[in-house]
Protein backbone atom coordinates (compact mmCIF):
# COMPACT_ATOMS: atom_id res chain seq x y z
CA MET A 1 -27.38 -28.56 -21.34
CA LYS A 2 -23.63 -28.30 -21.88
CA CYS A 3 -21.78 -24.97 -21.92
CA LEU A 4 -20.57 -24.27 -25.47
CA ILE A 5 -17.28 -22.93 -24.08
CA CYS A 6 -16.06 -25.27 -21.31
CA GLY A 7 -18.45 -28.19 -21.63
CA GLY A 8 -19.76 -27.81 -18.08
CA GLU A 9 -23.38 -27.97 -17.04
CA ALA A 10 -25.31 -24.84 -18.02
CA ALA A 11 -28.85 -23.53 -18.00
CA GLY A 12 -28.17 -21.73 -21.28
CA GLU A 13 -25.48 -21.68 -23.95
CA VAL A 14 -22.86 -20.35 -21.48
CA CYS A 15 -22.42 -21.60 -17.90
CA ASN A 16 -22.24 -19.38 -14.83
CA GLN A 17 -18.50 -20.01 -14.37
CA CYS A 18 -17.69 -18.72 -17.85
CA ILE A 19 -20.14 -15.83 -17.46
CA ARG A 20 -18.00 -14.54 -14.58
CA LEU A 21 -15.22 -13.86 -17.10
CA GLU A 22 -17.39 -11.49 -19.12
CA LYS A 23 -16.50 -7.88 -19.79
CA VAL A 24 -19.12 -5.70 -21.46
CA LEU A 25 -17.65 -4.00 -24.55
CA PHE A 26 -20.75 -2.29 -25.97
CA GLN A 27 -24.19 -1.54 -24.57
CA LYS A 28 -27.17 0.55 -25.55
CA GLU A 29 -30.62 1.28 -24.18
CA TRP A 30 -33.30 2.96 -26.28
CA GLY A 31 -37.02 3.18 -26.89
CA PHE A 32 -38.99 1.72 -29.77
CA LYS A 33 -42.61 2.13 -30.80
CA ALA A 34 -44.05 0.04 -33.64
CA GLY A 35 -46.40 2.11 -35.82
CA LEU A 36 -48.54 5.00 -34.60
CA ILE A 37 -50.54 3.13 -31.99
CA GLY A 38 -48.06 0.44 -31.06
CA LYS A 39 -46.85 -0.07 -27.51
CA SER A 40 -43.67 1.76 -26.56
CA GLU A 41 -40.95 -0.74 -25.68
CA ASP A 42 -37.68 -0.31 -23.80
CA LEU A 43 -34.95 -2.18 -25.65
CA ARG A 44 -31.36 -2.89 -24.67
CA VAL A 45 -28.37 -4.75 -26.04
CA ALA A 46 -25.03 -5.69 -24.48
CA VAL A 47 -22.06 -7.18 -26.33
CA SER A 48 -19.41 -8.77 -24.13
CA ASN A 49 -16.32 -10.84 -24.82
CA LEU A 50 -18.51 -13.96 -24.64
CA ARG A 51 -22.17 -13.15 -25.37
CA ILE A 52 -24.70 -10.89 -27.00
CA SER A 53 -27.65 -10.30 -24.72
CA GLY A 54 -30.40 -7.87 -23.84
CA ARG A 55 -34.07 -7.27 -24.57
CA MET A 56 -35.12 -6.99 -28.20
CA PRO A 57 -37.44 -8.42 -30.86
CA MET A 58 -36.56 -11.97 -31.89
CA SER A 59 -37.90 -14.39 -34.46
CA ASN A 60 -37.25 -17.79 -36.00
CA ASN A 61 -38.02 -16.33 -39.44
CA PRO A 62 -35.66 -14.07 -41.44
CA LYS A 63 -38.65 -11.98 -42.54
CA GLY A 64 -39.50 -11.17 -38.95
CA LEU A 65 -42.73 -13.15 -38.82
CA ASN A 66 -44.14 -14.04 -35.40
CA THR A 67 -41.64 -11.75 -33.72
CA ARG A 68 -41.80 -11.27 -29.98
CA ILE A 69 -39.86 -8.98 -27.65
CA ASP A 70 -38.04 -10.91 -24.96
CA ASN A 71 -34.77 -11.26 -23.05
CA VAL A 72 -32.07 -12.96 -25.11
CA SER A 73 -28.63 -14.38 -24.44
CA HIS A 74 -26.42 -16.07 -27.04
CA TYR A 75 -22.81 -17.22 -27.29
CA LEU A 76 -21.02 -14.62 -29.39
CA LEU A 77 -19.30 -17.03 -31.75
CA ASN A 78 -22.75 -18.22 -32.84
CA VAL A 79 -23.32 -14.79 -34.42
CA LYS A 80 -23.19 -15.40 -38.18
CA SER A 81 -23.96 -11.92 -39.51
CA VAL A 82 -25.20 -8.42 -38.76
CA GLU A 83 -27.22 -6.90 -41.58
CA GLU A 84 -29.13 -3.68 -42.13
CA THR A 85 -32.85 -4.28 -42.68
CA THR A 86 -36.23 -2.83 -41.72
CA PHE A 87 -38.48 -3.75 -38.84
CA SER A 88 -42.03 -2.36 -38.61
CA GLY A 89 -41.07 0.15 -41.29
CA LYS A 90 -38.00 1.41 -39.40
CA LYS A 91 -34.31 0.91 -40.10
CA ALA A 92 -32.92 -1.89 -38.00
CA ALA A 93 -29.92 -4.15 -37.51
CA MET A 94 -30.67 -7.87 -37.84
CA VAL A 95 -28.38 -10.33 -36.06
CA THR A 96 -28.41 -13.92 -37.29
CA ILE A 97 -27.63 -16.53 -34.63
CA GLU A 98 -26.94 -20.17 -35.45
CA ASN A 99 -26.22 -22.85 -32.85
CA PRO A 100 -23.90 -25.42 -34.51
CA GLU A 101 -24.96 -28.11 -32.05
CA THR A 102 -28.73 -27.86 -32.52
CA LYS A 103 -28.69 -26.18 -35.98
CA PHE A 104 -31.26 -23.79 -34.52
CA ILE A 105 -31.31 -20.37 -36.19
CA ARG A 106 -32.67 -17.23 -34.56
CA TYR A 107 -32.92 -13.64 -35.76
CA LEU A 108 -32.56 -10.66 -33.40
CA TYR A 109 -33.74 -7.19 -34.42
CA LEU A 110 -32.48 -3.84 -33.17
CA PRO A 111 -34.90 -1.28 -34.65
CA ASN A 112 -34.08 2.42 -34.39
CA LEU A 113 -30.56 1.67 -33.16
CA ASP A 114 -28.74 4.99 -33.61
CA ASP A 115 -25.23 3.52 -33.88
CA MET A 116 -25.38 0.55 -36.24
CA ALA A 117 -21.79 0.99 -37.44
CA GLY A 118 -20.53 1.11 -33.85
CA PHE A 119 -22.60 -1.93 -32.93
CA THR A 120 -21.29 -3.96 -35.89
CA ALA A 121 -17.68 -2.97 -35.17
CA ALA A 122 -18.19 -3.94 -31.52
CA VAL A 123 -19.48 -7.38 -32.55
CA ASN A 124 -16.43 -7.92 -34.79
CA ASP A 125 -14.04 -6.90 -32.02
CA ALA A 126 -15.91 -8.96 -29.44
CA LYS A 127 -15.85 -12.08 -31.63
CA THR A 128 -12.06 -11.87 -31.78
CA LYS A 129 -11.89 -11.57 -27.99
CA ALA A 130 -14.43 -14.37 -27.57
CA ALA A 131 -12.34 -16.70 -29.77
CA SER A 132 -9.21 -15.97 -27.75
CA LEU A 133 -10.93 -16.33 -24.36
CA THR A 134 -12.79 -19.49 -25.43
CA GLU A 135 -9.54 -21.10 -26.61
CA ARG A 136 -7.80 -20.20 -23.35
CA ILE A 137 -10.64 -21.62 -21.24
CA ARG A 138 -10.73 -24.84 -23.26
CA GLN A 139 -6.97 -25.27 -22.95
CA GLN A 140 -7.14 -24.80 -19.19
CA LYS A 141 -9.96 -27.34 -19.04
CA GLY A 142 -8.00 -29.79 -21.20
CA LEU A 143 -10.62 -29.60 -23.94
CA ALA A 144 -8.31 -28.20 -26.63
CA PRO A 145 -4.61 -28.67 -27.52
CA ALA A 146 -2.12 -25.94 -26.68
CA GLN A 147 -1.46 -23.42 -29.46
CA THR A 148 1.17 -24.42 -32.02
CA GLY A 149 1.02 -21.29 -34.16
CA MET A 150 -1.95 -22.44 -36.25
CA PRO A 151 -5.29 -20.66 -35.66
CA SER A 152 -7.92 -22.74 -33.90
CA THR A 153 -11.39 -23.39 -35.27
CA ALA A 154 -12.85 -20.82 -32.90
CA SER A 155 -10.29 -18.20 -33.89
CA ALA A 156 -10.77 -18.87 -37.58
CA GLY A 157 -14.54 -18.54 -37.18
CA ALA A 158 -14.18 -15.21 -35.45
CA ALA A 159 -11.86 -13.97 -38.18
CA ALA A 160 -14.74 -13.69 -40.66
CA SER A 161 -16.23 -10.20 -40.32
CA VAL A 162 -19.98 -9.87 -40.07
CA THR A 163 -21.86 -7.93 -42.72
CA MET A 164 -21.74 -4.12 -42.40
CA ALA A 165 -18.43 -4.24 -40.50
CA PRO A 166 -16.30 -1.15 -41.22
CA ARG A 167 -13.08 -3.16 -41.09
CA PRO A 168 -12.49 -6.87 -41.69
CA VAL A 169 -11.17 -8.89 -38.78
CA THR A 170 -8.29 -11.10 -39.86
CA ALA A 171 -7.32 -14.50 -38.56
CA ALA A 172 -4.00 -13.03 -37.40
CA SER A 173 -5.78 -10.53 -35.16
CA ALA A 174 -7.83 -13.36 -33.66
CA ALA A 175 -4.73 -15.26 -32.56
CA ALA A 176 -4.17 -15.07 -28.83
CA ALA A 177 -1.08 -13.26 -27.52
CA PRO A 178 1.63 -15.47 -25.99
CA ARG A 179 0.80 -16.50 -22.45
CA LYS A 180 2.77 -18.05 -19.63
CA GLU A 181 2.17 -21.75 -19.25
CA GLU A 182 1.58 -21.38 -15.53
CA GLU A 183 -1.25 -18.88 -15.98
CA ASN A 184 -4.41 -20.62 -14.79
CA PHE A 185 -8.14 -20.16 -15.18
CA ASP A 186 -8.67 -18.47 -11.81
CA THR A 187 -5.76 -16.06 -12.32
CA VAL A 188 -7.23 -14.87 -15.61
CA ALA A 189 -10.61 -14.27 -14.00
CA LEU A 190 -9.35 -12.44 -10.94
CA SER A 191 -6.78 -10.29 -12.74
CA GLY A 192 -9.36 -9.20 -15.32
CA MET A 193 -11.83 -8.22 -12.62
CA ALA A 194 -9.18 -6.43 -10.61
CA ASP A 195 -8.14 -4.28 -13.56
CA ASP A 196 -11.64 -3.01 -14.29
CA LEU A 197 -13.30 -3.06 -10.89
CA SER A 198 -10.80 -1.91 -8.29
CA GLU A 199 -13.28 -0.39 -5.85
CA PHE A 200 -16.24 -1.94 -4.09
CA GLU A 201 -18.70 0.70 -5.27
CA THR A 202 -17.64 0.27 -8.87
CA LYS A 203 -18.10 -3.49 -8.61
CA ILE A 204 -21.62 -3.09 -7.28
CA LYS A 205 -22.49 -0.72 -10.14
CA LYS A 206 -21.03 -3.18 -12.67
CA LEU A 207 -23.17 -5.99 -11.25
CA LYS A 208 -26.25 -3.79 -11.55
CA VAL A 209 -25.43 -3.08 -15.20
CA LEU A 210 -25.03 -6.82 -15.88
CA ARG A 211 -28.32 -7.55 -14.16
CA ASP A 212 -30.19 -4.76 -15.95
CA ASN A 213 -28.88 -5.97 -19.30
CA GLY A 214 -29.98 -9.54 -18.71
CA ILE A 215 -26.46 -10.92 -18.35
CA LEU A 216 -27.08 -11.84 -14.69
CA SER A 217 -30.35 -13.11 -13.28
CA GLU A 218 -31.70 -11.55 -10.08
CA GLU A 219 -30.53 -14.63 -8.13
CA GLU A 220 -27.03 -14.44 -9.63
CA TYR A 221 -26.88 -10.70 -8.93
CA ILE A 222 -27.76 -11.21 -5.26
CA ALA A 223 -25.25 -14.06 -4.92
CA GLU A 224 -22.42 -12.02 -6.49
CA LYS A 225 -23.31 -9.01 -4.35
CA LYS A 226 -23.07 -11.14 -1.19
CA LYS A 227 -19.64 -12.33 -2.29
CA LEU A 228 -18.43 -8.74 -2.64
CA VAL A 229 -19.84 -7.81 0.76
CA SER A 230 -18.04 -10.76 2.36
CA ILE A 231 -14.74 -9.75 0.75
CA PHE A 232 -14.89 -6.10 1.80
C-alpha cells in the first residue's frame, strides 16, 4: 500500500516516516456503555496534524448498522464531515471518512463525547495543518510543484469546514507560510520534535501517549524508545 502523503510504502494510509512528523492537537478518553446491560467500553480519540485515530465504534453504514468497536487510523484530509447524531440512543459525533483512491467510505462514532464543539474545531484546525504539512512533504519528495501563490488541491480541500464547525476555515488560512528553500524534510522533523519534547522524560511520556492512542504500535513504540535511549 502506498502512503497517501509521500507515496512511500505503508502498512496503512500513512507511512511510518510521515507518522514521525505527527503532533497531537486534541485527545480524549472516556467511557461508554450501550443501553442498560451493555458492556462498558473505554473509548479514545486523537487528532494530530496528519491523522485521526483511536478506539471507537466504526461502521460502513451511515445508519450505524453492523458497528464494531476497534482501533482506527485515518489520514486527516480524508475526513469529509463531522456531524451530530445519535448512537445507541445517546448523542454522538459521527465522522465520515472517504478514501479518494479506493472510494471506500467509513463512519466513526464518538458517543457521549463531552466536547463535540472542541472536537470539531480541532478537526478543522488540524485539516489546515495537515494540508500545509502534506504539501511540504510532497514538495521535498518531488511529488508536487513548489508553491506559486495558488492554493494546492490539498490546501483547498482542507479549506472546507466540516459540519458543526464553530468557525469556517478559509483557503487563505490553509496556505503555508513562506519557507526557506533550503529547509529540508529532516530539519522540519527534528526542529518540530525539539520544540515540543526538549527533555528525555517528556519524550518518553509523549511516546506512551501515542502508543496508548493507537498512533504507534507496540513495536514502533519500543523502537522509538530505543532510539531515545541511544541518543541520551
